[in-house]
PDB file of N, CA and C in Angstrom:
ATOM      1  N   UNK A   1     -24.915   6.867  -1.688  1.00  0.00           N
ATOM      2  CA  UNK A   1     -24.850   4.880  -1.994  1.00  0.00           C
ATOM      3  C   UNK A   1     -24.422   4.161  -0.707  1.00  0.00           C
ATOM      4  N   UNK A   2     -25.180   3.378  -0.744  1.00  0.00           N
ATOM      5  CA  UNK A   2     -24.868   2.680   0.729  1.00  0.00           C
ATOM      6  C   UNK A   2     -24.771   0.820   0.589  1.00  0.00           C
ATOM      7  N   UNK A   3     -24.246  -0.113   1.002  1.00  0.00           N
ATOM      8  CA  UNK A   3     -23.938  -0.929   0.838  1.00  0.00           C
ATOM      9  C   UNK A   3     -24.875  -2.070   1.777  1.00  0.00           C
ATOM     10  N   UNK A   4     -25.601  -2.869   1.750  1.00  0.00           N
ATOM     11  CA  UNK A   4     -25.421  -4.086   2.514  1.00  0.00           C
ATOM     12  C   UNK A   4     -25.425  -5.315   2.066  1.00  0.00           C
ATOM     13  N   UNK A   5     -25.373  -6.209   3.433  1.00  0.00           N
ATOM     14  CA  UNK A   5     -25.115  -7.760   3.254  1.00  0.00           C
ATOM     15  C   UNK A   5     -25.798  -8.624   3.585  1.00  0.00           C
ATOM     16  N   UNK A   6     -26.915  -9.563   3.115  1.00  0.00           N
ATOM     17  CA  UNK A   6     -27.938 -10.186   3.133  1.00  0.00           C
ATOM     18  C   UNK A   6     -27.761 -11.739   2.848  1.00  0.00           C
ATOM     19  N   UNK A   7     -27.307 -12.822   3.826  1.00  0.00           N
ATOM     20  CA  UNK A   7     -27.220 -14.164   3.650  1.00  0.00           C
ATOM     21  C   UNK A   7     -26.761 -14.485   2.304  1.00  0.00           C
ATOM     22  N   UNK A   8     -25.556 -13.691   2.189  1.00  0.00           N
ATOM     23  CA  UNK A   8     -24.711 -13.253   0.955  1.00  0.00           C
ATOM     24  C   UNK A   8     -24.973 -12.770  -0.311  1.00  0.00           C
ATOM     25  N   UNK A   9     -25.843 -12.344  -0.247  1.00  0.00           N
ATOM     26  CA  UNK A   9     -26.064 -11.250  -0.889  1.00  0.00           C
ATOM     27  C   UNK A   9     -25.582 -10.166  -0.513  1.00  0.00           C
ATOM     28  N   UNK A  10     -25.252  -9.310  -1.860  1.00  0.00           N
ATOM     29  CA  UNK A  10     -24.957  -7.928  -1.768  1.00  0.00           C
ATOM     30  C   UNK A  10     -26.026  -6.732  -2.296  1.00  0.00           C
ATOM     31  N   UNK A  11     -26.531  -5.977  -1.683  1.00  0.00           N
ATOM     32  CA  UNK A  11     -27.483  -4.853  -1.800  1.00  0.00           C
ATOM     33  C   UNK A  11     -27.046  -3.701  -2.298  1.00  0.00           C
ATOM     34  N   UNK A  12     -27.159  -2.819  -3.053  1.00  0.00           N
ATOM     35  CA  UNK A  12     -26.500  -1.319  -3.272  1.00  0.00           C
ATOM     36  C   UNK A  12     -27.807  -0.997  -3.342  1.00  0.00           C
ATOM     37  N   UNK A  13     -27.748   0.154  -2.218  1.00  0.00           N
ATOM     38  CA  UNK A  13     -28.661   0.837  -2.469  1.00  0.00           C
ATOM     39  C   UNK A  13     -28.556   2.696  -2.586  1.00  0.00           C
ATOM     40  N   UNK A  14     -29.483   3.517  -2.666  1.00  0.00           N
ATOM     41  CA  UNK A  14     -29.237   4.663  -3.179  1.00  0.00           C
ATOM     42  C   UNK A  14     -29.729   4.860  -2.070  1.00  0.00           C
ATOM     43  N   UNK A  15     -29.369   6.687  -1.358  1.00  0.00           N
ATOM     44  CA  UNK A  15     -29.623   7.371  -0.382  1.00  0.00           C
ATOM     45  C   UNK A  15     -30.854   7.260   0.151  1.00  0.00           C
ATOM     46  N   UNK A  16     -31.921   7.590  -0.814  1.00  0.00           N
ATOM     47  CA  UNK A  16     -33.296   6.967  -0.976  1.00  0.00           C
ATOM     48  C   UNK A  16     -33.726   5.840  -1.037  1.00  0.00           C
ATOM     49  N   UNK A  17     -33.179   4.929  -0.739  1.00  0.00           N
ATOM     50  CA  UNK A  17     -33.567   3.199  -0.563  1.00  0.00           C
ATOM     51  C   UNK A  17     -33.774   2.702  -1.523  1.00  0.00           C
ATOM     52  N   UNK A  18     -33.720   2.869  -2.855  1.00  0.00           N
ATOM     53  CA  UNK A  18     -34.008   2.251  -4.166  1.00  0.00           C
ATOM     54  C   UNK A  18     -32.601   1.516  -4.075  1.00  0.00           C
ATOM     55  N   UNK A  19     -33.434  -0.142  -4.521  1.00  0.00           N
ATOM     56  CA  UNK A  19     -31.863  -1.122  -4.481  1.00  0.00           C
ATOM     57  C   UNK A  19     -31.604  -0.893  -6.239  1.00  0.00           C
ATOM     58  N   UNK A  20     -30.289  -0.412  -6.392  1.00  0.00           N
ATOM     59  CA  UNK A  20     -29.659  -0.316  -7.882  1.00  0.00           C
ATOM     60  C   UNK A  20     -29.293  -2.111  -8.497  1.00  0.00           C
ATOM     61  N   UNK A  21     -28.369  -2.611  -7.259  1.00  0.00           N
ATOM     62  CA  UNK A  21     -28.345  -4.509  -7.801  1.00  0.00           C
ATOM     63  C   UNK A  21     -28.716  -5.204  -6.343  1.00  0.00           C
ATOM     64  N   UNK A  22     -28.991  -6.233  -7.024  1.00  0.00           N
ATOM     65  CA  UNK A  22     -29.134  -7.047  -5.303  1.00  0.00           C
ATOM     66  C   UNK A  22     -28.341  -8.724  -5.584  1.00  0.00           C
ATOM     67  N   UNK A  23     -27.630  -9.312  -5.386  1.00  0.00           N
ATOM     68  CA  UNK A  23     -27.257 -10.762  -6.395  1.00  0.00           C
ATOM     69  C   UNK A  23     -25.761 -10.674  -5.356  1.00  0.00           C
ATOM     70  N   UNK A  24     -25.178 -11.939  -5.882  1.00  0.00           N
ATOM     71  CA  UNK A  24     -23.992 -12.538  -5.518  1.00  0.00           C
ATOM     72  C   UNK A  24     -23.283 -12.278  -6.802  1.00  0.00           C
ATOM     73  N   UNK A  25     -22.153 -11.798  -6.430  1.00  0.00           N
ATOM     74  CA  UNK A  25     -21.166 -11.205  -7.532  1.00  0.00           C
ATOM     75  C   UNK A  25     -20.225 -12.551  -7.384  1.00  0.00           C
ATOM     76  N   UNK A  26     -20.665 -12.620  -9.411  1.00  0.00           N
ATOM     77  CA  UNK A  26     -19.819 -13.737  -9.734  1.00  0.00           C
ATOM     78  C   UNK A  26     -20.265 -15.110  -9.145  1.00  0.00           C
ATOM     79  N   UNK A  27     -21.557 -14.941  -8.937  1.00  0.00           N
ATOM     80  CA  UNK A  27     -22.389 -16.541  -8.879  1.00  0.00           C
ATOM     81  C   UNK A  27     -21.746 -16.299  -6.891  1.00  0.00           C
ATOM     82  N   UNK A  28     -20.992 -15.486  -6.507  1.00  0.00           N
ATOM     83  CA  UNK A  28     -20.428 -16.614  -5.012  1.00  0.00           C
ATOM     84  C   UNK A  28     -20.885 -15.757  -3.581  1.00  0.00           C
ATOM     85  N   UNK A  29     -21.260 -16.315  -2.583  1.00  0.00           N
ATOM     86  CA  UNK A  29     -21.585 -15.366  -1.843  1.00  0.00           C
ATOM     87  C   UNK A  29     -20.827 -14.794  -1.177  1.00  0.00           C
ATOM     88  N   UNK A  30     -20.933 -13.466  -1.022  1.00  0.00           N
ATOM     89  CA  UNK A  30     -20.306 -12.768  -0.371  1.00  0.00           C
ATOM     90  C   UNK A  30     -20.197 -12.539   1.394  1.00  0.00           C
ATOM     91  N   UNK A  31     -19.090 -12.133   1.846  1.00  0.00           N
ATOM     92  CA  UNK A  31     -18.500 -12.666   3.082  1.00  0.00           C
ATOM     93  C   UNK A  31     -18.706 -11.231   3.709  1.00  0.00           C
ATOM     94  N   UNK A  32     -18.011  -9.999   3.129  1.00  0.00           N
ATOM     95  CA  UNK A  32     -17.596  -8.825   3.737  1.00  0.00           C
ATOM     96  C   UNK A  32     -17.222  -7.274   2.581  1.00  0.00           C
ATOM     97  N   UNK A  33     -18.002  -6.444   3.103  1.00  0.00           N
ATOM     98  CA  UNK A  33     -18.121  -4.929   2.311  1.00  0.00           C
ATOM     99  C   UNK A  33     -17.620  -4.111   3.123  1.00  0.00           C
ATOM    100  N   UNK A  34     -16.843  -3.884   2.166  1.00  0.00           N
ATOM    101  CA  UNK A  34     -15.748  -2.680   2.400  1.00  0.00           C
ATOM    102  C   UNK A  34     -16.109  -1.201   1.762  1.00  0.00           C
ATOM    103  N   UNK A  35     -16.968  -0.815   1.697  1.00  0.00           N
ATOM    104  CA  UNK A  35     -17.195   0.900   0.854  1.00  0.00           C
ATOM    105  C   UNK A  35     -16.011   1.287   0.695  1.00  0.00           C
ATOM    106  N   UNK A  36     -15.799   2.149  -0.601  1.00  0.00           N
ATOM    107  CA  UNK A  36     -14.550   2.981  -0.477  1.00  0.00           C
ATOM    108  C   UNK A  36     -15.116   4.337  -0.329  1.00  0.00           C
ATOM    109  N   UNK A  37     -14.456   4.927  -0.054  1.00  0.00           N
ATOM    110  CA  UNK A  37     -14.093   6.765   0.939  1.00  0.00           C
ATOM    111  C   UNK A  37     -14.100   7.678  -0.886  1.00  0.00           C
ATOM    112  N   UNK A  38     -14.746   8.084  -0.581  1.00  0.00           N
ATOM    113  CA  UNK A  38     -15.176   8.954  -2.092  1.00  0.00           C
ATOM    114  C   UNK A  38     -15.379   8.704  -3.849  1.00  0.00           C
ATOM    115  N   UNK A  39     -16.042   7.294  -3.379  1.00  0.00           N
ATOM    116  CA  UNK A  39     -16.381   6.312  -4.190  1.00  0.00           C
ATOM    117  C   UNK A  39     -18.191   5.713  -4.244  1.00  0.00           C
ATOM    118  N   UNK A  40     -19.184   5.984  -5.202  1.00  0.00           N
ATOM    119  CA  UNK A  40     -19.559   4.583  -5.223  1.00  0.00           C
ATOM    120  C   UNK A  40     -19.475   3.382  -5.190  1.00  0.00           C
ATOM    121  N   UNK A  41     -18.375   3.115  -5.272  1.00  0.00           N
ATOM    122  CA  UNK A  41     -17.720   1.480  -5.285  1.00  0.00           C
ATOM    123  C   UNK A  41     -17.622   0.910  -3.912  1.00  0.00           C
ATOM    124  N   UNK A  42     -17.279  -0.404  -3.844  1.00  0.00           N
ATOM    125  CA  UNK A  42     -17.614  -0.697  -2.957  1.00  0.00           C
ATOM    126  C   UNK A  42     -15.901  -2.173  -3.228  1.00  0.00           C
ATOM    127  N   UNK A  43     -15.387  -2.790  -1.847  1.00  0.00           N
ATOM    128  CA  UNK A  43     -14.717  -3.753  -2.555  1.00  0.00           C
ATOM    129  C   UNK A  43     -15.527  -5.029  -1.039  1.00  0.00           C
ATOM    130  N   UNK A  44     -15.618  -5.863  -2.283  1.00  0.00           N
ATOM    131  CA  UNK A  44     -16.022  -7.451  -2.098  1.00  0.00           C
ATOM    132  C   UNK A  44     -15.378  -8.511  -1.403  1.00  0.00           C
ATOM    133  N   UNK A  45     -15.816  -9.318  -0.383  1.00  0.00           N
ATOM    134  CA  UNK A  45     -14.854 -10.405  -0.262  1.00  0.00           C
ATOM    135  C   UNK A  45     -15.562 -11.654  -0.618  1.00  0.00           C
ATOM    136  N   UNK A  46     -15.500 -12.343  -1.405  1.00  0.00           N
ATOM    137  CA  UNK A  46     -16.430 -13.320  -1.396  1.00  0.00           C
ATOM    138  C   UNK A  46     -15.805 -14.507  -0.711  1.00  0.00           C
ATOM    139  N   UNK A  47     -16.792 -15.337  -0.828  1.00  0.00           N
ATOM    140  CA  UNK A  47     -16.502 -16.806   0.456  1.00  0.00           C
ATOM    141  C   UNK A  47     -15.511 -17.191  -0.162  1.00  0.00           C
ATOM    142  N   UNK A  48     -14.162 -17.402   0.452  1.00  0.00           N
ATOM    143  CA  UNK A  48     -13.049 -18.600  -0.135  1.00  0.00           C
ATOM    144  C   UNK A  48     -13.527 -19.746  -0.398  1.00  0.00           C
ATOM    145  N   UNK A  49     -14.373 -20.339   0.321  1.00  0.00           N
ATOM    146  CA  UNK A  49     -15.059 -21.626   0.450  1.00  0.00           C
ATOM    147  C   UNK A  49     -15.599 -22.157  -0.721  1.00  0.00           C
ATOM    148  N   UNK A  50     -16.496 -20.668  -1.105  1.00  0.00           N
ATOM    149  CA  UNK A  50     -17.442 -21.113  -2.021  1.00  0.00           C
ATOM    150  C   UNK A  50     -16.799 -21.377  -3.413  1.00  0.00           C
ATOM    151  N   UNK A  51     -15.368 -21.415  -3.442  1.00  0.00           N
ATOM    152  CA  UNK A  51     -15.058 -20.838  -5.151  1.00  0.00           C
ATOM    153  C   UNK A  51     -13.782 -22.179  -5.170  1.00  0.00           C
ATOM    154  N   UNK A  52     -13.194 -21.676  -6.957  1.00  0.00           N
ATOM    155  CA  UNK A  52     -12.403 -22.960  -7.167  1.00  0.00           C
ATOM    156  C   UNK A  52     -10.853 -23.051  -5.741  1.00  0.00           C
ATOM    157  N   UNK A  53      -9.896 -23.708  -5.867  1.00  0.00           N
ATOM    158  CA  UNK A  53      -8.889 -23.525  -4.916  1.00  0.00           C
ATOM    159  C   UNK A  53      -8.142 -22.672  -5.097  1.00  0.00           C
ATOM    160  N   UNK A  54      -8.163 -21.681  -6.021  1.00  0.00           N
ATOM    161  CA  UNK A  54      -7.074 -20.295  -6.683  1.00  0.00           C
ATOM    162  C   UNK A  54      -8.083 -19.832  -6.255  1.00  0.00           C
ATOM    163  N   UNK A  55      -8.236 -18.653  -6.060  1.00  0.00           N
ATOM    164  CA  UNK A  55      -9.628 -17.888  -5.805  1.00  0.00           C
ATOM    165  C   UNK A  55      -8.998 -16.432  -5.657  1.00  0.00           C
ATOM    166  N   UNK A  56      -9.644 -15.817  -6.859  1.00  0.00           N
ATOM    167  CA  UNK A  56      -9.340 -14.137  -6.729  1.00  0.00           C
ATOM    168  C   UNK A  56     -10.800 -13.597  -6.300  1.00  0.00           C
ATOM    169  N   UNK A  57     -10.935 -13.961  -5.481  1.00  0.00           N
ATOM    170  CA  UNK A  57     -12.042 -13.754  -4.256  1.00  0.00           C
ATOM    171  C   UNK A  57     -12.279 -11.739  -3.430  1.00  0.00           C
ATOM    172  N   UNK A  58     -11.186 -11.507  -3.907  1.00  0.00           N
ATOM    173  CA  UNK A  58     -11.529  -9.783  -3.266  1.00  0.00           C
ATOM    174  C   UNK A  58     -11.487  -9.027  -4.769  1.00  0.00           C
ATOM    175  N   UNK A  59     -12.797  -7.957  -4.887  1.00  0.00           N
ATOM    176  CA  UNK A  59     -13.459  -7.682  -5.657  1.00  0.00           C
ATOM    177  C   UNK A  59     -13.932  -6.348  -5.676  1.00  0.00           C
ATOM    178  N   UNK A  60     -13.598  -5.169  -7.079  1.00  0.00           N
ATOM    179  CA  UNK A  60     -14.143  -3.949  -6.616  1.00  0.00           C
ATOM    180  C   UNK A  60     -15.265  -4.401  -7.505  1.00  0.00           C
ATOM    181  N   UNK A  61     -16.251  -3.754  -6.882  1.00  0.00           N
ATOM    182  CA  UNK A  61     -17.722  -3.788  -7.200  1.00  0.00           C
ATOM    183  C   UNK A  61     -18.024  -2.178  -7.723  1.00  0.00           C
ATOM    184  N   UNK A  62     -18.944  -1.806  -9.058  1.00  0.00           N
ATOM    185  CA  UNK A  62     -19.914  -0.692  -9.072  1.00  0.00           C
ATOM    186  C   UNK A  62     -21.271  -1.183  -8.148  1.00  0.00           C
ATOM    187  N   UNK A  63     -21.449   0.422  -8.363  1.00  0.00           N
ATOM    188  CA  UNK A  63     -23.237  -0.335  -7.802  1.00  0.00           C
ATOM    189  C   UNK A  63     -24.438  -0.510  -8.926  1.00  0.00           C
ATOM    190  N   UNK A  64     -23.814  -0.877  -9.827  1.00  0.00           N
ATOM    191  CA  UNK A  64     -24.697  -1.528 -11.035  1.00  0.00           C
ATOM    192  C   UNK A  64     -24.291  -3.062 -10.879  1.00  0.00           C
ATOM    193  N   UNK A  65     -23.295  -3.562  -9.881  1.00  0.00           N
ATOM    194  CA  UNK A  65     -22.912  -5.049 -10.340  1.00  0.00           C
ATOM    195  C   UNK A  65     -22.149  -5.327 -10.792  1.00  0.00           C
ATOM    196  N   UNK A  66     -21.481  -4.741 -11.552  1.00  0.00           N
ATOM    197  CA  UNK A  66     -20.169  -4.456 -12.401  1.00  0.00           C
ATOM    198  C   UNK A  66     -18.692  -4.892 -11.379  1.00  0.00           C
ATOM    199  N   UNK A  67     -17.778  -6.171 -12.158  1.00  0.00           N
ATOM    200  CA  UNK A  67     -17.148  -6.229 -11.156  1.00  0.00           C
ATOM    201  C   UNK A  67     -15.979  -5.388 -12.037  1.00  0.00           C
ATOM    202  N   UNK A  68     -15.320  -4.261 -10.849  1.00  0.00           N
ATOM    203  CA  UNK A  68     -13.978  -3.710 -11.817  1.00  0.00           C
ATOM    204  C   UNK A  68     -13.218  -4.039 -11.908  1.00  0.00           C
ATOM    205  N   UNK A  69     -12.684  -4.749 -10.696  1.00  0.00           N
ATOM    206  CA  UNK A  69     -11.130  -5.884 -10.799  1.00  0.00           C
ATOM    207  C   UNK A  69     -11.109  -6.784 -10.007  1.00  0.00           C
ATOM    208  N   UNK A  70      -9.758  -7.197 -10.000  1.00  0.00           N
ATOM    209  CA  UNK A  70     -10.215  -8.712  -8.992  1.00  0.00           C
ATOM    210  C   UNK A  70      -8.806  -8.888  -8.681  1.00  0.00           C
ATOM    211  N   UNK A  71      -8.640  -8.901  -6.910  1.00  0.00           N
ATOM    212  CA  UNK A  71      -7.298  -9.458  -6.665  1.00  0.00           C
ATOM    213  C   UNK A  71      -6.897 -10.420  -6.771  1.00  0.00           C
ATOM    214  N   UNK A  72      -6.026 -11.083  -7.567  1.00  0.00           N
ATOM    215  CA  UNK A  72      -4.965 -12.540  -7.415  1.00  0.00           C
ATOM    216  C   UNK A  72      -5.108 -12.632  -5.985  1.00  0.00           C
ATOM    217  N   UNK A  73      -4.580 -13.648  -5.299  1.00  0.00           N
ATOM    218  CA  UNK A  73      -4.324 -13.929  -4.164  1.00  0.00           C
ATOM    219  C   UNK A  73      -2.838 -14.311  -4.933  1.00  0.00           C
ATOM    220  N   UNK A  74      -1.832 -13.663  -3.456  1.00  0.00           N
ATOM    221  CA  UNK A  74      -0.325 -13.944  -3.770  1.00  0.00           C
ATOM    222  C   UNK A  74       0.308 -15.382  -3.891  1.00  0.00           C
ATOM    223  N   UNK A  75      -0.161 -16.153  -3.265  1.00  0.00           N
ATOM    224  CA  UNK A  75       0.725 -17.742  -4.091  1.00  0.00           C
ATOM    225  C   UNK A  75      -0.551 -18.380  -5.207  1.00  0.00           C
ATOM    226  N   UNK A  76       0.175 -17.881  -6.538  1.00  0.00           N
ATOM    227  CA  UNK A  76      -0.789 -18.305  -7.802  1.00  0.00           C
ATOM    228  C   UNK A  76      -0.499 -19.830  -7.738  1.00  0.00           C
ATOM    229  N   UNK A  77       0.260 -20.318  -7.874  1.00  0.00           N
ATOM    230  CA  UNK A  77       1.124 -21.836  -7.610  1.00  0.00           C
ATOM    231  C   UNK A  77       0.112 -22.569  -6.859  1.00  0.00           C
ATOM    232  N   UNK A  78      -0.209 -21.780  -5.812  1.00  0.00           N
ATOM    233  CA  UNK A  78      -0.931 -23.065  -4.791  1.00  0.00           C
ATOM    234  C   UNK A  78      -2.458 -22.831  -4.678  1.00  0.00           C
ATOM    235  N   UNK A  79      -3.195 -23.558  -3.621  1.00  0.00           N
ATOM    236  CA  UNK A  79      -4.279 -23.247  -3.152  1.00  0.00           C
ATOM    237  C   UNK A  79      -4.171 -21.735  -2.177  1.00  0.00           C
ATOM    238  N   UNK A  80      -4.951 -20.962  -2.844  1.00  0.00           N
ATOM    239  CA  UNK A  80      -4.540 -19.130  -2.050  1.00  0.00           C
ATOM    240  C   UNK A  80      -5.865 -18.711  -2.492  1.00  0.00           C
ATOM    241  N   UNK A  81      -6.553 -17.950  -1.018  1.00  0.00           N
ATOM    242  CA  UNK A  81      -7.518 -16.995  -1.806  1.00  0.00           C
ATOM    243  C   UNK A  81      -7.389 -16.098  -0.280  1.00  0.00           C
ATOM    244  N   UNK A  82      -8.441 -14.846  -0.157  1.00  0.00           N
ATOM    245  CA  UNK A  82      -8.131 -14.007   0.646  1.00  0.00           C
ATOM    246  C   UNK A  82      -9.451 -13.973   1.849  1.00  0.00           C
ATOM    247  N   UNK A  83      -8.667 -14.356   3.344  1.00  0.00           N
ATOM    248  CA  UNK A  83     -10.080 -14.831   3.952  1.00  0.00           C
ATOM    249  C   UNK A  83     -10.207 -13.556   4.853  1.00  0.00           C
ATOM    250  N   UNK A  84      -9.498 -12.246   5.074  1.00  0.00           N
ATOM    251  CA  UNK A  84     -10.114 -11.274   5.110  1.00  0.00           C
ATOM    252  C   UNK A  84      -9.503  -9.947   4.354  1.00  0.00           C
ATOM    253  N   UNK A  85     -10.638  -8.944   4.798  1.00  0.00           N
ATOM    254  CA  UNK A  85      -9.880  -8.001   4.506  1.00  0.00           C
ATOM    255  C   UNK A  85     -10.241  -7.022   5.445  1.00  0.00           C
ATOM    256  N   UNK A  86      -9.727  -5.100   5.518  1.00  0.00           N
ATOM    257  CA  UNK A  86     -10.290  -4.668   6.319  1.00  0.00           C
ATOM    258  C   UNK A  86      -8.878  -2.952   6.054  1.00  0.00           C
ATOM    259  N   UNK A  87      -9.593  -1.864   6.428  1.00  0.00           N
ATOM    260  CA  UNK A  87      -8.189  -0.912   6.319  1.00  0.00           C
ATOM    261  C   UNK A  87      -7.595  -1.016   6.994  1.00  0.00           C
ATOM    262  N   UNK A  88      -6.453  -0.239   7.230  1.00  0.00           N
ATOM    263  CA  UNK A  88      -5.474  -0.280   7.921  1.00  0.00           C
ATOM    264  C   UNK A  88      -5.190   1.190   7.889  1.00  0.00           C
ATOM    265  N   UNK A  89      -5.234   2.627   8.615  1.00  0.00           N
ATOM    266  CA  UNK A  89      -5.305   3.961   7.754  1.00  0.00           C
ATOM    267  C   UNK A  89      -6.151   3.615   6.560  1.00  0.00           C
ATOM    268  N   UNK A  90      -5.554   4.685   5.338  1.00  0.00           N
ATOM    269  CA  UNK A  90      -6.273   4.518   4.172  1.00  0.00           C
ATOM    270  C   UNK A  90      -5.668   3.390   3.328  1.00  0.00           C
ATOM    271  N   UNK A  91      -5.294   2.649   4.121  1.00  0.00           N
ATOM    272  CA  UNK A  91      -4.615   1.613   2.673  1.00  0.00           C
ATOM    273  C   UNK A  91      -5.628   0.274   2.935  1.00  0.00           C
ATOM    274  N   UNK A  92      -6.158  -0.901   1.936  1.00  0.00           N
ATOM    275  CA  UNK A  92      -6.998  -1.779   2.005  1.00  0.00           C
ATOM    276  C   UNK A  92      -5.816  -2.798   1.954  1.00  0.00           C
ATOM    277  N   UNK A  93      -5.944  -3.711   3.391  1.00  0.00           N
ATOM    278  CA  UNK A  93      -4.836  -5.134   3.473  1.00  0.00           C
ATOM    279  C   UNK A  93      -6.207  -5.929   3.267  1.00  0.00           C
ATOM    280  N   UNK A  94      -5.705  -6.942   3.173  1.00  0.00           N
ATOM    281  CA  UNK A  94      -6.295  -8.448   3.230  1.00  0.00           C
ATOM    282  C   UNK A  94      -4.997  -9.035   3.608  1.00  0.00           C
ATOM    283  N   UNK A  95      -5.946 -10.422   4.720  1.00  0.00           N
ATOM    284  CA  UNK A  95      -4.872 -11.430   4.783  1.00  0.00           C
ATOM    285  C   UNK A  95      -5.245 -12.651   3.979  1.00  0.00           C
ATOM    286  N   UNK A  96      -3.916 -13.609   3.479  1.00  0.00           N
ATOM    287  CA  UNK A  96      -4.488 -14.749   2.214  1.00  0.00           C
ATOM    288  C   UNK A  96      -4.513 -16.144   3.328  1.00  0.00           C
ATOM    289  N   UNK A  97      -4.685 -17.008   2.977  1.00  0.00           N
ATOM    290  CA  UNK A  97      -5.015 -18.257   3.478  1.00  0.00           C
ATOM    291  C   UNK A  97      -3.513 -18.586   3.688  1.00  0.00           C
ATOM    292  N   UNK A  98      -3.001 -18.716   2.393  1.00  0.00           N
ATOM    293  CA  UNK A  98      -1.323 -18.923   2.681  1.00  0.00           C
ATOM    294  C   UNK A  98      -0.520 -18.439   3.333  1.00  0.00           C
ATOM    295  N   UNK A  99      -1.315 -16.851   4.430  1.00  0.00           N
ATOM    296  CA  UNK A  99       0.030 -16.557   5.346  1.00  0.00           C
ATOM    297  C   UNK A  99       0.486 -15.066   4.726  1.00  0.00           C
ATOM    298  N   UNK A 100       0.166 -14.304   3.891  1.00  0.00           N
ATOM    299  CA  UNK A 100       0.394 -13.095   3.694  1.00  0.00           C
ATOM    300  C   UNK A 100      -0.693 -12.085   3.721  1.00  0.00           C
ATOM    301  N   UNK A 101       0.194 -10.818   4.154  1.00  0.00           N
ATOM    302  CA  UNK A 101      -0.740  -9.894   4.414  1.00  0.00           C
ATOM    303  C   UNK A 101      -0.964  -9.031   3.414  1.00  0.00           C
ATOM    304  N   UNK A 102      -1.003  -8.359   2.637  1.00  0.00           N
ATOM    305  CA  UNK A 102      -1.541  -7.841   1.260  1.00  0.00           C
ATOM    306  C   UNK A 102      -1.669  -6.353   1.037  1.00  0.00           C
ATOM    307  N   UNK A 103      -1.318  -5.463   0.299  1.00  0.00           N
ATOM    308  CA  UNK A 103      -1.935  -4.053   0.671  1.00  0.00           C
ATOM    309  C   UNK A 103      -2.460  -3.922  -0.768  1.00  0.00           C
ATOM    310  N   UNK A 104      -3.293  -3.482  -1.157  1.00  0.00           N
ATOM    311  CA  UNK A 104      -3.990  -4.015  -2.138  1.00  0.00           C
ATOM    312  C   UNK A 104      -4.101  -2.265  -2.759  1.00  0.00           C
ATOM    313  N   UNK A 105      -3.626  -2.219  -4.034  1.00  0.00           N
ATOM    314  CA  UNK A 105      -3.695  -1.058  -4.565  1.00  0.00           C
ATOM    315  C   UNK A 105      -5.325  -0.583  -4.887  1.00  0.00           C
ATOM    316  N   UNK A 106      -6.023   0.517  -4.882  1.00  0.00           N
ATOM    317  CA  UNK A 106      -7.061   0.787  -5.189  1.00  0.00           C
ATOM    318  C   UNK A 106      -7.976   0.977  -6.252  1.00  0.00           C
ATOM    319  N   UNK A 107      -6.870   1.036  -7.116  1.00  0.00           N
ATOM    320  CA  UNK A 107      -7.091   1.612  -8.622  1.00  0.00           C
ATOM    321  C   UNK A 107      -7.012   0.412  -9.850  1.00  0.00           C
ATOM    322  N   UNK A 108      -6.428  -0.553  -9.255  1.00  0.00           N
ATOM    323  CA  UNK A 108      -5.776  -1.388 -10.180  1.00  0.00           C
ATOM    324  C   UNK A 108      -6.236  -3.134  -9.502  1.00  0.00           C
ATOM    325  N   UNK A 109      -6.388  -3.220  -8.104  1.00  0.00           N
ATOM    326  CA  UNK A 109      -6.523  -4.153  -7.757  1.00  0.00           C
ATOM    327  C   UNK A 109      -5.333  -5.438  -7.778  1.00  0.00           C
ATOM    328  N   UNK A 110      -3.943  -4.826  -7.820  1.00  0.00           N
ATOM    329  CA  UNK A 110      -3.070  -5.124  -8.093  1.00  0.00           C
ATOM    330  C   UNK A 110      -1.929  -5.240  -6.462  1.00  0.00           C
ATOM    331  N   UNK A 111      -1.290  -5.575  -5.825  1.00  0.00           N
ATOM    332  CA  UNK A 111      -0.760  -5.752  -4.493  1.00  0.00           C
ATOM    333  C   UNK A 111       0.147  -4.849  -5.206  1.00  0.00           C
ATOM    334  N   UNK A 112       0.350  -3.454  -3.919  1.00  0.00           N
ATOM    335  CA  UNK A 112       1.696  -3.078  -3.657  1.00  0.00           C
ATOM    336  C   UNK A 112       2.237  -3.284  -2.935  1.00  0.00           C
ATOM    337  N   UNK A 113       2.266  -4.041  -1.907  1.00  0.00           N
ATOM    338  CA  UNK A 113       3.065  -4.472  -1.190  1.00  0.00           C
ATOM    339  C   UNK A 113       2.546  -5.820  -0.383  1.00  0.00           C
ATOM    340  N   UNK A 114       3.335  -6.927   0.104  1.00  0.00           N
ATOM    341  CA  UNK A 114       3.131  -7.970   0.563  1.00  0.00           C
ATOM    342  C   UNK A 114       3.962  -8.492   1.539  1.00  0.00           C
ATOM    343  N   UNK A 115       3.703  -9.295   2.871  1.00  0.00           N
ATOM    344  CA  UNK A 115       5.184  -9.891   3.616  1.00  0.00           C
ATOM    345  C   UNK A 115       3.976 -11.040   4.257  1.00  0.00           C
ATOM    346  N   UNK A 116       5.002 -11.804   4.072  1.00  0.00           N
ATOM    347  CA  UNK A 116       4.329 -13.089   5.068  1.00  0.00           C
ATOM    348  C   UNK A 116       4.414 -12.789   6.679  1.00  0.00           C
ATOM    349  N   UNK A 117       3.254 -13.101   7.154  1.00  0.00           N
ATOM    350  CA  UNK A 117       3.512 -12.572   8.652  1.00  0.00           C
ATOM    351  C   UNK A 117       2.999 -13.843   9.634  1.00  0.00           C
ATOM    352  N   UNK A 118       2.543 -15.443   8.327  1.00  0.00           N
ATOM    353  CA  UNK A 118       1.865 -16.597   9.498  1.00  0.00           C
ATOM    354  C   UNK A 118       3.254 -17.008   9.987  1.00  0.00           C
TER     355      UNK A 118
END
């Protein structure tokens, strides 16, 4: 399984190059893709500027395009979204607009820890 990013579209392909799904998850352009180790799924960071003011824009997606979870931003009472995500060792971490560094549980999309870093 492989994933590509092309003009905001996510493209999920088999090892032979067959396209399983192509599009914008939830209708929003993607900014980054992180394939999950030992899984066919990927974590997708959607463009925070394209969504609502408080935007759960970090998602786990199956190769079929189905969204498996959405990580809520840490500041739910204010304008917030994730602006960056990356692997830190085996952990998925994401930075929010409001200044938090959040570790995301891969099974549920819920924060397993967060710290204010701004």
